[in-house]
Amino acid sequence: MSDDFFLTTEDKRFLIRIARDAIRAKLGDERSDSPSAPSETVRRPAGAFVTLRELDPHTGEHALRGCIGHVVASQPLEATVRDSAIAAAFRDPRFAPVTLSELDDITVEISVLSPLRTVSSPQEVEPGKHGVMLSGSGRSGLLLPQVATEQNWDRETFLTHCCYKAGLSGDCWQHPETEIQVFTATVCTETELKGNV
């Protein structure tokens, strides 16, 4: 994110809270005390993704449980997060809908996106710093910046997997007709803020 979209710790707590509360409400476990926005920042339009991870009792690792978001800043950030949380929990086609019984084992991560910027060369992509939106042949795929870090991918591997995400051949990022756009993300994780949400 650019410096003019700085999220305070209170902003991050608020976003995590409304994401979790939105999922709870959809499951019929609505809380009565809706939090108030701590600053005008969360009311500004921004794209965002909500990622849900579920604790595996056998490995102690948090496995992906859902991830959906909006790239375009079409509504206030708080609304984008609320909608994305519901979609990640109940409409990610890769997973069954989240149930109330498993919610306590799920952690919430929010990635607030900077505007997309088209690059002229794949060499401009910096894994770990940039997320990528790749478009070609009427298809598109997106990977968040933290995916490259988590998977320890170099630039070529990251771009190859972005092609796969778009349903294209793994070398599509090398084709001149493929558009590559980059973005950065401010990441809010529930584990980082544990005890304060």
Foldseek 3Di string as FASTA:
>chain_A
DDPVLDADLLQLVLLQVLLLQLLCVVQVNHDPDRDDHPDCSQFFFFKKKKWKWFQDPVPRDTHTAFMDIGHDRPGGNSVRSSVRSCCRQPPRVVHHHDHPVRSVRMKMKMWTKDHKDWDQALVVDAQLFKWKWKDDPHWIFTDARCVCVVVVHGSLVNQLVRCVRRVHHSCVNVDNRMIIIIIGIDMRICVVCPPPD
